[in-house]
Amino acid sequence: MTPQTPAAAAHQNLVHLTGRISADPETRVLPSGDELVSFRLVVRRDAAALRRSKQLVDTIECTVWRAALRRSVARLAAGVEVEVQGQLRRRFTSGGGSTASWVSVEVDSCRRLTPAAVASDA
């Protein structure tokens, strides 16, 4: 393991979100043969953000690659409240002569929230 400089050690790509799954997760097989599960997470904005914008929520694309976690997430349904942890990743796709990019959360953990946990967050 190589030592890190103080500036490099301060860099982190960690995401922690709680929200509601907007639609049933989708399983896809890529041309490479890799399999992934993706879903969109609806996250409410806080009061400070509402002073700057009338948008009440953000919808965030989440992607799951690990097999055990894919199986678990694939069983979730629209409307379920979850807590997600992972990292932001920039994704690219090309087609029709153009390239598009977007940011998604690459999920490391996802746990279903109990109704009591959801109520205490509100």
Foldseek 3Di string as FASTA:
>chain_A
DDDDDPVVVPDDFKDKAKFFWAFQWDWDQDPVRFIKIKTKGWGADDPVVCVVDVDGTDIAIEMERDDVVRVVSNPDGGGWIKIWMAGKDKDWDDDPHDIDIDIHGYTPDMDTDDPVRVVVVD
